[in-house]
Amino acid sequence: MKKPNETAVIRVLRGGEEHEFSIILRPVSFRTFESVQVGHQILGSRTCHLVATLEPLVPVHQFDKLPSYYIFAGLVFIPLTQPYLHEYGEDWYNTSPRRLCERALRELPKKAGEQLVILSQVLMDDVNAGYERLAEMQVKKINGVEIENLKHLCQLVENNREENVRFDLEDERVIVLNYTSAKIATSKILMRHRIPSAMSSDLVDEKKFLETECGHSN
């Protein structure tokens, strides 16, 4: 299977003749018209227009990418992917959570960069007692703000200035935590489970970049 930015050769039968096209594969999020330069040896300098297909809201593959995650007060947040659902076994379509499976196969993004973020598990602690049954549910809002993706969720939580932080999940389920207590508990939970960081490397890099930009602006 080809990866993004690799070159692929396709053959098209047109007017009884076979033509060969050389195209560069690029991931897209919305239906667009992509200009593709055709091999000069066949059609000269002509350019054809192909309709790009929609990229699913839930990625089918995660080639050459480490999993993204964010942990706060023992709540483990991740973007939903089909490889995550495949962990339920060969019969994942029937054994994985039905609501997540349906969204993975049917839903499309409304804008670029959108992800379906879920609370994948709860690392037990006094700070999150009573919320352990809310695992595998979609996260909708943080303090009333609709989240766009995992990076956005991370930014909203890390930049919280309220006494409490509120997570609105699907089915009108709600998690409310005292922010200071949750931050303290996060460090203890990470140590207990020997997890080196509260966020994946991609989020760490993004956080460092934003801190650097803020430093320059000041």
N, C-alpha and C. Protein backbone atom coordinates (compact mmCIF):
# COMPACT_ATOMS: atom_id res chain seq x y z
N MET A 1 0.85 -1.20 0.00
CA MET A 1 0.00 0.00 0.00
C MET A 1 0.88 1.25 0.00
N LYS A 2 0.53 2.20 -0.83
CA LYS A 2 1.29 3.43 -0.95
C LYS A 2 1.02 4.36 0.25
N LYS A 3 2.02 5.21 0.55
CA LYS A 3 1.91 6.17 1.62
C LYS A 3 1.80 7.58 1.04
N PRO A 4 1.33 8.55 1.85
CA PRO A 4 1.25 9.92 1.36
C PRO A 4 2.58 10.43 0.82
N ASN A 5 2.49 11.22 -0.27
CA ASN A 5 3.63 11.85 -0.94
C ASN A 5 4.46 10.88 -1.79
N GLU A 6 4.07 9.62 -1.86
CA GLU A 6 4.73 8.70 -2.77
C GLU A 6 4.10 8.81 -4.15
N THR A 7 4.84 8.38 -5.17
CA THR A 7 4.35 8.44 -6.55
C THR A 7 3.70 7.11 -6.92
N ALA A 8 2.56 7.20 -7.56
CA ALA A 8 1.85 6.01 -8.02
C ALA A 8 1.60 6.12 -9.52
N VAL A 9 1.62 5.00 -10.19
CA VAL A 9 1.34 4.95 -11.62
C VAL A 9 0.00 4.28 -11.83
N ILE A 10 -0.90 4.97 -12.55
CA ILE A 10 -2.21 4.39 -12.84
C ILE A 10 -2.39 4.31 -14.35
N ARG A 11 -3.15 3.33 -14.80
CA ARG A 11 -3.41 3.16 -16.22
C ARG A 11 -4.90 3.33 -16.48
N VAL A 12 -5.21 4.10 -17.52
CA VAL A 12 -6.60 4.41 -17.86
C VAL A 12 -6.85 4.05 -19.32
N LEU A 13 -7.97 3.39 -19.57
CA LEU A 13 -8.34 3.05 -20.94
C LEU A 13 -9.22 4.18 -21.48
N ARG A 14 -8.75 4.85 -22.54
CA ARG A 14 -9.47 5.99 -23.10
C ARG A 14 -9.43 5.90 -24.63
N GLY A 15 -10.62 5.92 -25.22
CA GLY A 15 -10.69 5.84 -26.68
C GLY A 15 -10.06 4.59 -27.24
N GLY A 16 -10.15 3.50 -26.48
CA GLY A 16 -9.58 2.24 -26.95
C GLY A 16 -8.09 2.14 -26.76
N GLU A 17 -7.47 3.19 -26.20
CA GLU A 17 -6.03 3.17 -25.98
C GLU A 17 -5.73 3.27 -24.49
N GLU A 18 -4.67 2.59 -24.08
CA GLU A 18 -4.27 2.60 -22.68
C GLU A 18 -3.29 3.76 -22.44
N HIS A 19 -3.59 4.58 -21.42
CA HIS A 19 -2.74 5.70 -21.07
C HIS A 19 -2.22 5.51 -19.65
N GLU A 20 -1.00 5.96 -19.43
CA GLU A 20 -0.36 5.82 -18.13
C GLU A 20 -0.22 7.19 -17.47
N PHE A 21 -0.65 7.29 -16.22
CA PHE A 21 -0.59 8.54 -15.45
C PHE A 21 0.34 8.36 -14.27
N SER A 22 1.18 9.34 -14.02
CA SER A 22 2.05 9.34 -12.84
C SER A 22 1.56 10.44 -11.90
N ILE A 23 1.14 10.06 -10.70
CA ILE A 23 0.57 11.03 -9.77
C ILE A 23 1.24 10.93 -8.40
N ILE A 24 1.20 12.02 -7.66
CA ILE A 24 1.71 12.04 -6.30
C ILE A 24 0.52 11.94 -5.35
N LEU A 25 0.59 11.00 -4.42
CA LEU A 25 -0.50 10.77 -3.49
C LEU A 25 -0.42 11.77 -2.33
N ARG A 26 -1.52 12.47 -2.11
CA ARG A 26 -1.56 13.43 -1.01
C ARG A 26 -2.85 13.24 -0.22
N PRO A 27 -2.75 13.23 1.13
CA PRO A 27 -3.97 13.12 1.93
C PRO A 27 -4.76 14.41 1.87
N VAL A 28 -6.09 14.32 1.83
CA VAL A 28 -6.94 15.51 1.81
C VAL A 28 -8.06 15.32 2.80
N SER A 29 -8.69 16.41 3.21
CA SER A 29 -9.77 16.36 4.18
C SER A 29 -11.12 16.70 3.58
N PHE A 30 -11.12 17.37 2.45
CA PHE A 30 -12.39 17.78 1.85
C PHE A 30 -12.39 17.51 0.36
N ARG A 31 -13.56 17.49 -0.24
CA ARG A 31 -13.68 17.22 -1.65
C ARG A 31 -13.13 18.41 -2.44
N THR A 32 -12.05 18.19 -3.14
CA THR A 32 -11.42 19.25 -3.90
C THR A 32 -11.06 18.72 -5.27
N PHE A 33 -10.69 19.63 -6.17
CA PHE A 33 -10.20 19.24 -7.47
C PHE A 33 -8.70 19.42 -7.46
N GLU A 34 -7.98 18.33 -7.70
CA GLU A 34 -6.52 18.34 -7.63
C GLU A 34 -5.96 18.26 -9.04
N SER A 35 -5.13 19.21 -9.42
CA SER A 35 -4.48 19.17 -10.72
C SER A 35 -3.33 18.19 -10.69
N VAL A 36 -3.31 17.27 -11.62
CA VAL A 36 -2.28 16.24 -11.67
C VAL A 36 -1.57 16.30 -13.01
N GLN A 37 -0.25 16.48 -12.98
CA GLN A 37 0.52 16.54 -14.21
C GLN A 37 0.67 15.15 -14.80
N VAL A 38 0.35 15.00 -16.05
CA VAL A 38 0.39 13.70 -16.72
C VAL A 38 1.76 13.51 -17.36
N GLY A 39 2.21 12.25 -17.46
CA GLY A 39 3.51 11.94 -18.05
C GLY A 39 3.65 12.53 -19.44
N HIS A 40 4.74 13.25 -19.70
CA HIS A 40 4.93 13.94 -20.98
C HIS A 40 5.02 12.95 -22.14
N GLN A 41 5.52 11.76 -21.87
CA GLN A 41 5.72 10.83 -22.98
C GLN A 41 4.40 10.31 -23.54
N ILE A 42 3.30 10.57 -22.85
CA ILE A 42 2.01 10.04 -23.31
C ILE A 42 1.08 11.15 -23.77
N LEU A 43 0.91 12.18 -22.92
CA LEU A 43 -0.05 13.22 -23.23
C LEU A 43 0.58 14.61 -23.28
N GLY A 44 1.88 14.66 -23.49
CA GLY A 44 2.54 15.96 -23.59
C GLY A 44 2.46 16.72 -22.29
N SER A 45 2.07 18.00 -22.38
CA SER A 45 2.03 18.84 -21.18
C SER A 45 0.62 19.04 -20.67
N ARG A 46 -0.31 18.20 -21.14
CA ARG A 46 -1.69 18.34 -20.70
C ARG A 46 -1.83 18.00 -19.22
N THR A 47 -2.81 18.64 -18.60
CA THR A 47 -3.09 18.40 -17.18
C THR A 47 -4.52 17.90 -17.04
N CYS A 48 -4.69 16.84 -16.25
CA CYS A 48 -6.04 16.34 -16.00
C CYS A 48 -6.45 16.71 -14.58
N HIS A 49 -7.77 16.70 -14.33
CA HIS A 49 -8.29 17.04 -13.01
C HIS A 49 -8.99 15.82 -12.44
N LEU A 50 -8.56 15.43 -11.25
CA LEU A 50 -9.16 14.30 -10.57
C LEU A 50 -9.89 14.79 -9.33
N VAL A 51 -11.00 14.16 -9.01
CA VAL A 51 -11.73 14.53 -7.80
C VAL A 51 -11.15 13.74 -6.64
N ALA A 52 -10.63 14.45 -5.65
CA ALA A 52 -10.04 13.79 -4.50
C ALA A 52 -11.13 13.25 -3.59
N THR A 53 -10.89 12.10 -3.00
CA THR A 53 -11.87 11.49 -2.12
C THR A 53 -11.75 12.06 -0.71
N LEU A 54 -12.82 11.92 0.05
CA LEU A 54 -12.83 12.43 1.41
C LEU A 54 -12.04 11.53 2.34
N GLU A 55 -11.22 12.13 3.17
CA GLU A 55 -10.50 11.38 4.19
C GLU A 55 -11.46 11.13 5.35
N PRO A 56 -11.53 9.92 5.90
CA PRO A 56 -12.47 9.64 6.98
C PRO A 56 -12.11 10.39 8.25
N LEU A 57 -13.11 10.63 9.10
CA LEU A 57 -12.88 11.29 10.37
C LEU A 57 -11.98 10.44 11.26
N VAL A 58 -12.17 9.12 11.20
CA VAL A 58 -11.37 8.19 11.99
C VAL A 58 -10.36 7.51 11.07
N PRO A 59 -9.05 7.76 11.23
CA PRO A 59 -8.04 7.19 10.32
C PRO A 59 -8.09 5.67 10.26
N VAL A 60 -7.93 5.16 9.04
CA VAL A 60 -7.91 3.71 8.83
C VAL A 60 -6.55 3.14 9.18
N HIS A 61 -5.49 3.89 8.87
CA HIS A 61 -4.12 3.45 9.14
C HIS A 61 -3.36 4.55 9.85
N GLN A 62 -2.28 4.17 10.54
CA GLN A 62 -1.40 5.11 11.21
C GLN A 62 0.05 4.76 10.87
N PHE A 63 0.41 4.87 9.59
CA PHE A 63 1.75 4.50 9.15
C PHE A 63 2.79 5.44 9.75
N ASP A 64 3.87 4.85 10.27
CA ASP A 64 5.04 5.62 10.74
C ASP A 64 4.65 6.70 11.74
N LYS A 65 3.62 6.46 12.54
CA LYS A 65 3.21 7.44 13.54
C LYS A 65 3.06 6.77 14.90
N LEU A 66 3.66 7.38 15.92
CA LEU A 66 3.45 6.90 17.27
C LEU A 66 2.07 7.35 17.75
N PRO A 67 1.41 6.56 18.60
CA PRO A 67 0.08 6.94 19.08
C PRO A 67 0.11 8.27 19.84
N SER A 68 -0.92 9.07 19.64
CA SER A 68 -1.06 10.33 20.37
C SER A 68 -1.92 10.09 21.61
N TYR A 69 -1.54 10.75 22.71
CA TYR A 69 -2.34 10.61 23.94
C TYR A 69 -2.13 11.82 24.83
N TYR A 70 -3.06 12.02 25.74
CA TYR A 70 -2.94 13.07 26.75
C TYR A 70 -3.57 12.54 28.03
N ILE A 71 -2.83 12.63 29.14
CA ILE A 71 -3.31 12.12 30.42
C ILE A 71 -3.47 13.27 31.40
N PHE A 72 -4.64 13.34 32.01
CA PHE A 72 -4.92 14.36 33.02
C PHE A 72 -5.73 13.72 34.12
N ALA A 73 -5.20 13.73 35.34
CA ALA A 73 -5.88 13.16 36.50
C ALA A 73 -6.25 11.69 36.27
N GLY A 74 -5.42 10.99 35.53
CA GLY A 74 -5.68 9.58 35.26
C GLY A 74 -6.64 9.32 34.12
N LEU A 75 -7.17 10.39 33.53
CA LEU A 75 -8.04 10.25 32.36
C LEU A 75 -7.16 10.21 31.12
N VAL A 76 -7.27 9.16 30.35
CA VAL A 76 -6.42 8.99 29.17
C VAL A 76 -7.23 9.32 27.91
N PHE A 77 -6.83 10.37 27.24
CA PHE A 77 -7.53 10.83 26.04
C PHE A 77 -6.71 10.49 24.80
N ILE A 78 -7.38 10.01 23.76
CA ILE A 78 -6.72 9.69 22.50
C ILE A 78 -7.65 10.02 21.34
N PRO A 79 -7.10 10.24 20.14
CA PRO A 79 -7.98 10.35 18.96
C PRO A 79 -8.37 8.94 18.53
N LEU A 80 -9.62 8.73 18.22
CA LEU A 80 -10.07 7.41 17.80
C LEU A 80 -9.49 7.06 16.44
N THR A 81 -8.97 5.83 16.32
CA THR A 81 -8.46 5.31 15.05
C THR A 81 -8.98 3.89 14.87
N GLN A 82 -9.01 3.43 13.62
CA GLN A 82 -9.43 2.06 13.40
C GLN A 82 -8.45 1.05 14.01
N PRO A 83 -7.12 1.30 13.99
CA PRO A 83 -6.22 0.37 14.68
C PRO A 83 -6.57 0.20 16.16
N TYR A 84 -7.08 1.26 16.80
CA TYR A 84 -7.53 1.13 18.20
C TYR A 84 -8.69 0.14 18.29
N LEU A 85 -9.64 0.24 17.38
CA LEU A 85 -10.77 -0.68 17.38
C LEU A 85 -10.34 -2.10 17.06
N HIS A 86 -9.30 -2.23 16.24
CA HIS A 86 -8.82 -3.56 15.86
C HIS A 86 -8.26 -4.33 17.05
N GLU A 87 -7.94 -3.61 18.14
CA GLU A 87 -7.43 -4.28 19.33
C GLU A 87 -8.49 -5.15 20.00
N TYR A 88 -9.73 -5.00 19.57
CA TYR A 88 -10.79 -5.85 20.11
C TYR A 88 -10.82 -7.23 19.45
N GLY A 89 -9.90 -7.49 18.54
CA GLY A 89 -9.79 -8.81 17.92
C GLY A 89 -10.27 -8.84 16.48
N GLU A 90 -10.20 -10.01 15.90
CA GLU A 90 -10.56 -10.18 14.49
C GLU A 90 -12.02 -9.79 14.23
N ASP A 91 -12.87 -10.01 15.21
CA ASP A 91 -14.28 -9.67 15.06
C ASP A 91 -14.57 -8.31 15.68
N TRP A 92 -13.64 -7.35 15.47
CA TRP A 92 -13.74 -6.04 16.13
C TRP A 92 -15.02 -5.30 15.79
N TYR A 93 -15.56 -5.54 14.61
CA TYR A 93 -16.78 -4.83 14.21
C TYR A 93 -17.92 -5.15 15.17
N ASN A 94 -17.95 -6.35 15.68
CA ASN A 94 -19.03 -6.77 16.59
C ASN A 94 -18.65 -6.67 18.06
N THR A 95 -17.34 -6.68 18.37
CA THR A 95 -16.93 -6.70 19.77
C THR A 95 -16.52 -5.32 20.30
N SER A 96 -16.19 -4.38 19.41
CA SER A 96 -15.83 -3.03 19.87
C SER A 96 -17.10 -2.23 20.19
N PRO A 97 -16.98 -1.13 20.95
CA PRO A 97 -18.16 -0.32 21.28
C PRO A 97 -18.91 0.10 20.01
N ARG A 98 -20.18 -0.24 19.93
CA ARG A 98 -20.96 -0.04 18.71
C ARG A 98 -20.96 1.42 18.25
N ARG A 99 -21.14 2.35 19.18
CA ARG A 99 -21.24 3.77 18.80
C ARG A 99 -19.93 4.26 18.19
N LEU A 100 -18.80 3.80 18.73
CA LEU A 100 -17.51 4.20 18.18
C LEU A 100 -17.26 3.55 16.82
N CYS A 101 -17.65 2.31 16.70
CA CYS A 101 -17.47 1.59 15.44
C CYS A 101 -18.27 2.25 14.32
N GLU A 102 -19.51 2.63 14.60
CA GLU A 102 -20.34 3.26 13.58
C GLU A 102 -19.76 4.59 13.13
N ARG A 103 -19.25 5.36 14.07
CA ARG A 103 -18.65 6.65 13.71
C ARG A 103 -17.37 6.45 12.90
N ALA A 104 -16.62 5.43 13.26
CA ALA A 104 -15.36 5.17 12.55
C ALA A 104 -15.61 4.84 11.08
N LEU A 105 -16.71 4.17 10.80
CA LEU A 105 -16.99 3.70 9.44
C LEU A 105 -17.84 4.68 8.63
N ARG A 106 -18.56 5.58 9.29
CA ARG A 106 -19.54 6.39 8.57
C ARG A 106 -19.27 7.89 8.57
N GLU A 107 -18.71 8.42 9.66
CA GLU A 107 -18.63 9.87 9.79
C GLU A 107 -17.46 10.46 9.01
N LEU A 108 -17.67 11.68 8.52
CA LEU A 108 -16.66 12.42 7.77
C LEU A 108 -16.34 13.71 8.51
N PRO A 109 -15.13 14.24 8.35
CA PRO A 109 -14.77 15.48 9.04
C PRO A 109 -15.52 16.68 8.49
N LYS A 110 -15.84 17.62 9.36
CA LYS A 110 -16.51 18.85 8.94
C LYS A 110 -15.51 19.93 8.57
N LYS A 111 -14.26 19.79 9.06
CA LYS A 111 -13.20 20.74 8.72
C LYS A 111 -11.84 20.08 8.89
N ALA A 112 -10.84 20.71 8.32
CA ALA A 112 -9.49 20.15 8.35
C ALA A 112 -8.98 20.03 9.77
N GLY A 113 -8.29 18.92 10.06
CA GLY A 113 -7.69 18.72 11.37
C GLY A 113 -8.62 18.17 12.43
N GLU A 114 -9.88 17.96 12.09
CA GLU A 114 -10.84 17.46 13.07
C GLU A 114 -10.53 16.02 13.45
N GLN A 115 -10.66 15.70 14.73
CA GLN A 115 -10.50 14.34 15.23
C GLN A 115 -11.67 14.00 16.15
N LEU A 116 -11.95 12.72 16.27
CA LEU A 116 -12.93 12.24 17.23
C LEU A 116 -12.14 11.78 18.45
N VAL A 117 -12.19 12.56 19.53
CA VAL A 117 -11.39 12.28 20.72
C VAL A 117 -12.23 11.50 21.73
N ILE A 118 -11.62 10.47 22.30
CA ILE A 118 -12.33 9.64 23.28
C ILE A 118 -11.55 9.55 24.59
N LEU A 119 -12.26 9.28 25.65
CA LEU A 119 -11.65 8.91 26.93
C LEU A 119 -11.44 7.41 26.86
N SER A 120 -10.22 6.98 26.58
CA SER A 120 -9.98 5.56 26.29
C SER A 120 -9.95 4.71 27.56
N GLN A 121 -9.45 5.26 28.66
CA GLN A 121 -9.43 4.52 29.92
C GLN A 121 -9.22 5.48 31.08
N VAL A 122 -9.46 4.96 32.27
CA VAL A 122 -9.27 5.75 33.49
C VAL A 122 -8.30 5.01 34.39
N LEU A 123 -7.16 5.65 34.68
CA LEU A 123 -6.18 5.09 35.61
C LEU A 123 -6.64 5.43 37.02
N MET A 124 -7.05 4.42 37.76
CA MET A 124 -7.77 4.62 39.01
C MET A 124 -6.97 5.43 40.03
N ASP A 125 -7.69 6.38 40.67
CA ASP A 125 -7.12 7.21 41.73
C ASP A 125 -8.28 7.88 42.46
N ASP A 126 -8.00 8.35 43.65
CA ASP A 126 -9.06 9.01 44.42
C ASP A 126 -9.63 10.22 43.68
N VAL A 127 -8.78 10.90 42.90
CA VAL A 127 -9.21 12.12 42.23
C VAL A 127 -10.26 11.86 41.15
N ASN A 128 -10.26 10.64 40.58
CA ASN A 128 -11.23 10.33 39.53
C ASN A 128 -12.23 9.26 39.94
N ALA A 129 -12.35 9.03 41.23
CA ALA A 129 -13.27 8.00 41.72
C ALA A 129 -14.69 8.26 41.24
N GLY A 130 -15.32 7.20 40.73
CA GLY A 130 -16.70 7.30 40.24
C GLY A 130 -16.80 7.55 38.76
N TYR A 131 -15.66 7.87 38.12
CA TYR A 131 -15.69 8.16 36.69
C TYR A 131 -15.14 7.01 35.84
N GLU A 132 -14.76 5.91 36.49
CA GLU A 132 -14.13 4.82 35.74
C GLU A 132 -15.05 4.19 34.70
N ARG A 133 -16.35 4.29 34.89
CA ARG A 133 -17.29 3.67 33.94
C ARG A 133 -17.53 4.53 32.70
N LEU A 134 -16.92 5.69 32.64
CA LEU A 134 -17.12 6.57 31.50
C LEU A 134 -16.07 6.37 30.41
N ALA A 135 -15.26 5.34 30.54
CA ALA A 135 -14.24 5.06 29.53
C ALA A 135 -14.89 4.69 28.20
N GLU A 136 -14.15 4.93 27.12
CA GLU A 136 -14.57 4.63 25.75
C GLU A 136 -15.76 5.48 25.31
N MET A 137 -15.80 6.70 25.81
CA MET A 137 -16.84 7.64 25.40
C MET A 137 -16.19 8.85 24.72
N GLN A 138 -16.91 9.44 23.78
CA GLN A 138 -16.39 10.61 23.06
C GLN A 138 -16.42 11.85 23.95
N VAL A 139 -15.36 12.66 23.85
CA VAL A 139 -15.30 13.92 24.57
C VAL A 139 -15.81 15.03 23.64
N LYS A 140 -16.79 15.78 24.11
CA LYS A 140 -17.41 16.81 23.28
C LYS A 140 -16.88 18.21 23.57
N LYS A 141 -16.81 18.57 24.86
CA LYS A 141 -16.45 19.94 25.24
C LYS A 141 -15.54 19.96 26.45
N ILE A 142 -14.76 21.04 26.55
CA ILE A 142 -13.98 21.34 27.75
C ILE A 142 -14.40 22.72 28.22
N ASN A 143 -14.94 22.79 29.43
CA ASN A 143 -15.43 24.07 29.98
C ASN A 143 -16.35 24.79 29.00
N GLY A 144 -17.20 24.01 28.34
CA GLY A 144 -18.19 24.59 27.43
C GLY A 144 -17.70 24.86 26.03
N VAL A 145 -16.42 24.64 25.75
CA VAL A 145 -15.85 24.88 24.43
C VAL A 145 -15.76 23.57 23.66
N GLU A 146 -16.36 23.53 22.47
CA GLU A 146 -16.30 22.32 21.66
C GLU A 146 -14.87 22.06 21.20
N ILE A 147 -14.40 20.83 21.38
CA ILE A 147 -13.02 20.51 21.01
C ILE A 147 -12.94 20.10 19.54
N GLU A 148 -11.82 20.45 18.92
CA GLU A 148 -11.61 20.14 17.51
C GLU A 148 -10.78 18.87 17.32
N ASN A 149 -9.84 18.66 18.22
CA ASN A 149 -8.96 17.49 18.13
C ASN A 149 -8.24 17.34 19.47
N LEU A 150 -7.34 16.35 19.56
CA LEU A 150 -6.65 16.09 20.81
C LEU A 150 -5.75 17.26 21.21
N LYS A 151 -5.09 17.87 20.25
CA LYS A 151 -4.23 19.02 20.55
C LYS A 151 -5.04 20.16 21.16
N HIS A 152 -6.22 20.40 20.62
CA HIS A 152 -7.10 21.45 21.14
C HIS A 152 -7.54 21.13 22.56
N LEU A 153 -7.89 19.87 22.82
CA LEU A 153 -8.28 19.44 24.16
C LEU A 153 -7.14 19.70 25.14
N CYS A 154 -5.94 19.29 24.75
CA CYS A 154 -4.76 19.48 25.59
C CYS A 154 -4.54 20.95 25.91
N GLN A 155 -4.66 21.81 24.92
CA GLN A 155 -4.47 23.25 25.13
C GLN A 155 -5.50 23.83 26.08
N LEU A 156 -6.76 23.41 25.92
CA LEU A 156 -7.82 23.92 26.78
C LEU A 156 -7.61 23.52 28.23
N VAL A 157 -7.17 22.30 28.45
CA VAL A 157 -6.95 21.83 29.83
C VAL A 157 -5.70 22.48 30.42
N GLU A 158 -4.61 22.50 29.68
CA GLU A 158 -3.36 23.06 30.19
C GLU A 158 -3.47 24.55 30.47
N ASN A 159 -4.31 25.25 29.71
CA ASN A 159 -4.45 26.70 29.87
C ASN A 159 -5.66 27.09 30.73
N ASN A 160 -6.25 26.12 31.40
CA ASN A 160 -7.41 26.39 32.23
C ASN A 160 -7.08 27.39 33.34
N ARG A 161 -7.95 28.36 33.55
CA ARG A 161 -7.77 29.35 34.61
C ARG A 161 -8.91 29.31 35.63
N GLU A 162 -9.81 28.35 35.47
CA GLU A 162 -10.93 28.21 36.39
C GLU A 162 -10.55 27.32 37.58
N GLU A 163 -11.33 27.39 38.65
CA GLU A 163 -11.08 26.53 39.81
C GLU A 163 -11.27 25.06 39.45
N ASN A 164 -12.29 24.79 38.62
CA ASN A 164 -12.57 23.43 38.18
C ASN A 164 -12.42 23.32 36.67
N VAL A 165 -12.26 22.11 36.20
CA VAL A 165 -12.28 21.86 34.76
C VAL A 165 -13.38 20.85 34.49
N ARG A 166 -14.18 21.15 33.46
CA ARG A 166 -15.35 20.32 33.16
C ARG A 166 -15.19 19.66 31.79
N PHE A 167 -15.44 18.35 31.76
CA PHE A 167 -15.39 17.57 30.52
C PHE A 167 -16.81 17.10 30.19
N ASP A 168 -17.34 17.54 29.06
CA ASP A 168 -18.65 17.06 28.61
C ASP A 168 -18.44 15.92 27.63
N LEU A 169 -19.02 14.76 27.95
CA LEU A 169 -18.91 13.58 27.10
C LEU A 169 -20.23 13.34 26.38
N GLU A 170 -20.22 12.32 25.53
CA GLU A 170 -21.46 11.95 24.85
C GLU A 170 -22.49 11.46 25.86
N ASP A 171 -23.74 11.36 25.43
CA ASP A 171 -24.85 10.91 26.28
C ASP A 171 -25.02 11.80 27.52
N GLU A 172 -24.57 13.07 27.40
CA GLU A 172 -24.73 14.06 28.46
C GLU A 172 -24.03 13.66 29.76
N ARG A 173 -22.99 12.86 29.65
CA ARG A 173 -22.17 12.51 30.82
C ARG A 173 -21.17 13.64 31.07
N VAL A 174 -20.90 13.92 32.32
CA VAL A 174 -20.03 15.06 32.68
C VAL A 174 -19.01 14.63 33.74
N ILE A 175 -17.79 15.12 33.57
CA ILE A 175 -16.73 14.95 34.57
C ILE A 175 -16.30 16.34 35.02
N VAL A 176 -16.29 16.57 36.33
CA VAL A 176 -15.84 17.85 36.89
C VAL A 176 -14.77 17.57 37.92
N LEU A 177 -13.60 18.21 37.76
CA LEU A 177 -12.48 18.00 38.66
C LEU A 177 -11.94 19.33 39.16
N ASN A 178 -11.52 19.35 40.41
CA ASN A 178 -10.79 20.51 40.91
C ASN A 178 -9.46 20.56 40.19
N TYR A 179 -9.16 21.68 39.56
CA TYR A 179 -8.00 21.74 38.67
C TYR A 179 -6.68 21.55 39.41
N THR A 180 -6.51 22.22 40.54
CA THR A 180 -5.25 22.11 41.29
C THR A 180 -5.03 20.69 41.79
N SER A 181 -6.07 20.10 42.37
CA SER A 181 -5.97 18.72 42.86
C SER A 181 -5.68 17.74 41.73
N ALA A 182 -6.30 17.99 40.58
CA ALA A 182 -6.10 17.10 39.42
C ALA A 182 -4.67 17.19 38.90
N LYS A 183 -4.09 18.39 38.88
CA LYS A 183 -2.71 18.55 38.41
C LYS A 183 -1.74 17.82 39.33
N ILE A 184 -1.95 17.93 40.63
CA ILE A 184 -1.09 17.24 41.60
C ILE A 184 -1.22 15.73 41.44
N ALA A 185 -2.47 15.27 41.30
CA ALA A 185 -2.73 13.83 41.16
C ALA A 185 -2.12 13.28 39.87
N THR A 186 -2.09 14.09 38.83
CA THR A 186 -1.54 13.63 37.55
C THR A 186 -0.11 13.16 37.70
N SER A 187 0.70 13.95 38.38
CA SER A 187 2.11 13.59 38.58
C SER A 187 2.24 12.28 39.35
N LYS A 188 1.44 12.12 40.39
CA LYS A 188 1.50 10.89 41.19
C LYS A 188 1.06 9.67 40.38
N ILE A 189 0.03 9.84 39.58
CA ILE A 189 -0.48 8.73 38.77
C ILE A 189 0.55 8.31 37.73
N LEU A 190 1.20 9.28 37.12
CA LEU A 190 2.23 8.96 36.12
C LEU A 190 3.37 8.18 36.75
N MET A 191 3.79 8.59 37.94
CA MET A 191 4.86 7.88 38.64
C MET A 191 4.43 6.47 39.02
N ARG A 192 3.21 6.32 39.49
CA ARG A 192 2.71 5.02 39.91
C ARG A 192 2.68 4.03 38.75
N HIS A 193 2.32 4.52 37.55
CA HIS A 193 2.23 3.65 36.38
C HIS A 193 3.49 3.69 35.51
N ARG A 194 4.51 4.40 35.99
CA ARG A 194 5.79 4.50 35.28
C ARG A 194 5.62 5.02 33.85
N ILE A 195 4.79 6.04 33.74
CA ILE A 195 4.57 6.69 32.45
C ILE A 195 5.44 7.95 32.42
N PRO A 196 6.35 8.08 31.47
CA PRO A 196 7.32 9.18 31.49
C PRO A 196 6.74 10.56 31.22
N SER A 197 5.63 10.65 30.52
CA SER A 197 5.09 11.96 30.16
C SER A 197 3.57 11.93 30.15
N ALA A 198 2.98 13.07 30.48
CA ALA A 198 1.52 13.19 30.47
C ALA A 198 0.96 13.33 29.07
N MET A 199 1.84 13.56 28.09
CA MET A 199 1.38 13.71 26.72
C MET A 199 2.37 13.10 25.75
N SER A 200 1.88 12.70 24.59
CA SER A 200 2.72 12.09 23.56
C SER A 200 3.69 13.12 22.99
N SER A 201 4.72 12.63 22.30
CA SER A 201 5.79 13.50 21.82
C SER A 201 5.29 14.58 20.86
N ASP A 202 4.27 14.27 20.06
CA ASP A 202 3.76 15.28 19.13
C ASP A 202 3.13 16.45 19.87
N LEU A 203 2.46 16.19 21.00
CA LEU A 203 1.86 17.26 21.80
C LEU A 203 2.93 18.02 22.58
N VAL A 204 3.97 17.30 23.02
CA VAL A 204 5.07 17.95 23.72
C VAL A 204 5.75 18.95 22.79
N ASP A 205 6.01 18.51 21.56
CA ASP A 205 6.66 19.39 20.57
C ASP A 205 5.80 20.62 20.29
N GLU A 206 4.50 20.41 20.18
CA GLU A 206 3.58 21.52 19.92
C GLU A 206 3.57 22.50 21.09
N LYS A 207 3.59 21.97 22.31
CA LYS A 207 3.58 22.82 23.51
C LYS A 207 4.85 23.65 23.58
N LYS A 208 6.01 23.03 23.30
CA LYS A 208 7.28 23.76 23.32
C LYS A 208 7.29 24.86 22.26
N PHE A 209 6.73 24.55 21.10
CA PHE A 209 6.68 25.54 20.02
C PHE A 209 5.85 26.75 20.43
N LEU A 210 4.68 26.50 21.03
CA LEU A 210 3.81 27.59 21.44
C LEU A 210 4.45 28.42 22.55
N GLU A 211 5.16 27.76 23.48
CA GLU A 211 5.84 28.48 24.55
C GLU A 211 6.94 29.37 23.98
N THR A 212 7.64 28.86 22.97
CA THR A 212 8.70 29.63 22.33
C THR A 212 8.13 30.85 21.61
N GLU A 213 7.01 30.63 20.90
CA GLU A 213 6.36 31.73 20.19
C GLU A 213 5.88 32.82 21.16
N CYS A 214 5.33 32.38 22.29
CA CYS A 214 4.84 33.34 23.29
C CYS A 214 6.01 34.12 23.87
N GLY A 215 7.15 33.43 24.08
CA GLY A 215 8.33 34.08 24.61
C GLY A 215 8.87 35.16 23.67
N HIS A 216 8.82 34.86 22.36
CA HIS A 216 9.29 35.82 21.37
C HIS A 216 8.38 37.03 21.29
N SER A 217 7.08 36.79 21.43
CA SER A 217 6.12 37.88 21.33
C SER A 217 6.21 38.84 22.51
N ASN A 218 6.70 38.28 23.66
CA ASN A 218 6.85 39.14 24.83
C ASN A 218 8.18 39.91 24.79
